[in-house]
Amino acid sequence: MNDQYLGDTLDDFLEEEGLLAEAEAIAAKRVIAWQISLLMNEQNLSKAEMARRMQTSRAAVDRLLDPNNESATLTTLEKAALALGKQLQVALV
């Protein structure tokens, strides 16, 4: 066991390895995909109807809902939010 990182947080380790920003971006995308899926379920909205509302393809909705797909753009996220009657908020903190 490497005692070099003993007592450090996971965030400290990831930052030292230069991986923190990437890990946070992946986590944020997974949360957003989960939120969209949850809202779709609450509204009984199919992927086909979501695609129609977003004026895109069903494949694009599949990519948006895939927590491992990192290709969602802000434009796509905004379209998804509007299709669900929500607003997208992006902030630098």
C-alpha atoms as a PDB file:
ATOM      1  CA  MET A   1       0.000   0.000   0.000  1.00  0.00           C
ATOM      2  CA  ASN A   2       1.264   3.447  -0.893  1.00  0.00           C
ATOM      3  CA  ASP A   3       1.235   5.637   2.242  1.00  0.00           C
ATOM      4  CA  GLN A   4       1.830   8.719   0.067  1.00  0.00           C
ATOM      5  CA  TYR A   5      -1.949   9.294  -0.211  1.00  0.00           C
ATOM      6  CA  LEU A   6      -2.938   8.091   3.259  1.00  0.00           C
ATOM      7  CA  GLY A   7      -5.323  10.625   4.791  1.00  0.00           C
ATOM      8  CA  ASP A   8      -5.926  12.486   1.526  1.00  0.00           C
ATOM      9  CA  THR A   9      -9.398  12.757   0.101  1.00  0.00           C
ATOM     10  CA  LEU A  10     -10.315  11.275  -3.248  1.00  0.00           C
ATOM     11  CA  ASP A  11     -10.588  14.818  -4.612  1.00  0.00           C
ATOM     12  CA  ASP A  12      -7.040  15.558  -3.427  1.00  0.00           C
ATOM     13  CA  PHE A  13      -5.758  12.427  -5.121  1.00  0.00           C
ATOM     14  CA  LEU A  14      -7.592  13.127  -8.381  1.00  0.00           C
ATOM     15  CA  GLU A  15      -6.385  16.720  -8.398  1.00  0.00           C
ATOM     16  CA  GLU A  16      -2.768  15.652  -7.861  1.00  0.00           C
ATOM     17  CA  GLU A  17      -3.126  13.185 -10.740  1.00  0.00           C
ATOM     18  CA  GLY A  18      -4.710  15.848 -12.982  1.00  0.00           C
ATOM     19  CA  LEU A  19      -7.993  13.937 -13.177  1.00  0.00           C
ATOM     20  CA  LEU A  20     -10.338  15.976 -10.970  1.00  0.00           C
ATOM     21  CA  ALA A  21     -11.895  18.176 -13.686  1.00  0.00           C
ATOM     22  CA  GLU A  22     -12.586  15.155 -15.902  1.00  0.00           C
ATOM     23  CA  ALA A  23     -14.109  13.180 -13.015  1.00  0.00           C
ATOM     24  CA  GLU A  24     -16.344  16.109 -12.069  1.00  0.00           C
ATOM     25  CA  ALA A  25     -17.490  16.556 -15.684  1.00  0.00           C
ATOM     26  CA  ILE A  26     -18.363  12.862 -15.965  1.00  0.00           C
ATOM     27  CA  ALA A  27     -20.260  12.989 -12.679  1.00  0.00           C
ATOM     28  CA  ALA A  28     -22.188  16.094 -13.775  1.00  0.00           C
ATOM     29  CA  LYS A  29     -23.175  14.459 -17.077  1.00  0.00           C
ATOM     30  CA  ARG A  30     -24.403  11.359 -15.242  1.00  0.00           C
ATOM     31  CA  VAL A  31     -26.502  13.475 -12.880  1.00  0.00           C
ATOM     32  CA  ILE A  32     -28.009  15.438 -15.775  1.00  0.00           C
ATOM     33  CA  ALA A  33     -28.828  12.235 -17.692  1.00  0.00           C
ATOM     34  CA  TRP A  34     -30.470  10.848 -14.547  1.00  0.00           C
ATOM     35  CA  GLN A  35     -32.471  14.065 -14.008  1.00  0.00           C
ATOM     36  CA  ILE A  36     -33.719  14.087 -17.612  1.00  0.00           C
ATOM     37  CA  SER A  37     -34.691  10.433 -17.381  1.00  0.00           C
ATOM     38  CA  LEU A  38     -36.500  11.049 -14.090  1.00  0.00           C
ATOM     39  CA  LEU A  39     -38.444  13.995 -15.541  1.00  0.00           C
ATOM     40  CA  MET A  40     -39.328  11.998 -18.640  1.00  0.00           C
ATOM     41  CA  ASN A  41     -40.689   9.217 -16.428  1.00  0.00           C
ATOM     42  CA  GLU A  42     -42.651  11.680 -14.284  1.00  0.00           C
ATOM     43  CA  GLN A  43     -44.208  13.165 -17.429  1.00  0.00           C
ATOM     44  CA  ASN A  44     -44.763   9.737 -19.049  1.00  0.00           C
ATOM     45  CA  LEU A  45     -42.673  10.948 -21.968  1.00  0.00           C
ATOM     46  CA  SER A  46     -41.287   8.390 -24.408  1.00  0.00           C
ATOM     47  CA  LYS A  47     -37.904   8.784 -26.072  1.00  0.00           C
ATOM     48  CA  ALA A  48     -39.677   9.232 -29.412  1.00  0.00           C
ATOM     49  CA  GLU A  49     -41.819  12.067 -28.027  1.00  0.00           C
ATOM     50  CA  MET A  50     -38.787  13.629 -26.358  1.00  0.00           C
ATOM     51  CA  ALA A  51     -36.961  13.543 -29.705  1.00  0.00           C
ATOM     52  CA  ARG A  52     -39.947  15.144 -31.444  1.00  0.00           C
ATOM     53  CA  ARG A  53     -40.105  17.943 -28.862  1.00  0.00           C
ATOM     54  CA  MET A  54     -36.365  18.528 -29.148  1.00  0.00           C
ATOM     55  CA  GLN A  55     -36.553  18.400 -32.958  1.00  0.00           C
ATOM     56  CA  THR A  56     -33.861  15.754 -33.062  1.00  0.00           C
ATOM     57  CA  SER A  57     -33.486  12.017 -33.567  1.00  0.00           C
ATOM     58  CA  ARG A  58     -34.258   9.198 -31.177  1.00  0.00           C
ATOM     59  CA  ALA A  59     -30.561   8.260 -31.380  1.00  0.00           C
ATOM     60  CA  ALA A  60     -29.639  11.741 -30.103  1.00  0.00           C
ATOM     61  CA  VAL A  61     -31.985  11.262 -27.123  1.00  0.00           C
ATOM     62  CA  ASP A  62     -30.394   7.859 -26.471  1.00  0.00           C
ATOM     63  CA  ARG A  63     -26.950   9.516 -26.414  1.00  0.00           C
ATOM     64  CA  LEU A  64     -28.253  12.250 -24.108  1.00  0.00           C
ATOM     65  CA  LEU A  65     -29.631   9.686 -21.649  1.00  0.00           C
ATOM     66  CA  ASP A  66     -26.503   7.516 -21.772  1.00  0.00           C
ATOM     67  CA  PRO A  67     -24.587   8.387 -18.582  1.00  0.00           C
ATOM     68  CA  ASN A  68     -21.344   7.238 -20.202  1.00  0.00           C
ATOM     69  CA  ASN A  69     -21.716   9.381 -23.321  1.00  0.00           C
ATOM     70  CA  GLU A  70     -19.967  12.705 -22.815  1.00  0.00           C
ATOM     71  CA  SER A  71     -20.936  14.298 -26.140  1.00  0.00           C
ATOM     72  CA  ALA A  72     -23.948  16.349 -24.980  1.00  0.00           C
ATOM     73  CA  THR A  73     -23.631  20.007 -25.935  1.00  0.00           C
ATOM     74  CA  LEU A  74     -25.124  22.958 -24.116  1.00  0.00           C
ATOM     75  CA  THR A  75     -27.515  23.398 -27.048  1.00  0.00           C
ATOM     76  CA  THR A  76     -28.735  19.807 -26.683  1.00  0.00           C
ATOM     77  CA  LEU A  77     -29.122  20.187 -22.926  1.00  0.00           C
ATOM     78  CA  GLU A  78     -31.083  23.418 -23.428  1.00  0.00           C
ATOM     79  CA  LYS A  79     -33.408  21.704 -25.924  1.00  0.00           C
ATOM     80  CA  ALA A  80     -33.955  18.859 -23.457  1.00  0.00           C
ATOM     81  CA  ALA A  81     -34.724  21.269 -20.631  1.00  0.00           C
ATOM     82  CA  LEU A  82     -37.247  23.180 -22.758  1.00  0.00           C
ATOM     83  CA  ALA A  83     -38.859  19.929 -23.931  1.00  0.00           C
ATOM     84  CA  LEU A  84     -39.420  19.100 -20.259  1.00  0.00           C
ATOM     85  CA  GLY A  85     -40.715  22.550 -19.355  1.00  0.00           C
ATOM     86  CA  LYS A  86     -37.537  23.407 -17.471  1.00  0.00           C
ATOM     87  CA  GLN A  87     -34.646  25.825 -17.811  1.00  0.00           C
ATOM     88  CA  LEU A  88     -30.995  24.875 -18.028  1.00  0.00           C
ATOM     89  CA  GLN A  89     -28.750  26.715 -15.591  1.00  0.00           C
ATOM     90  CA  VAL A  90     -24.976  26.690 -16.009  1.00  0.00           C
ATOM     91  CA  ALA A  91     -22.705  28.450 -13.543  1.00  0.00           C
ATOM     92  CA  LEU A  92     -19.030  28.892 -12.854  1.00  0.00           C
ATOM     93  CA  VAL A  93     -18.424  28.586  -9.132  1.00  0.00           C
END
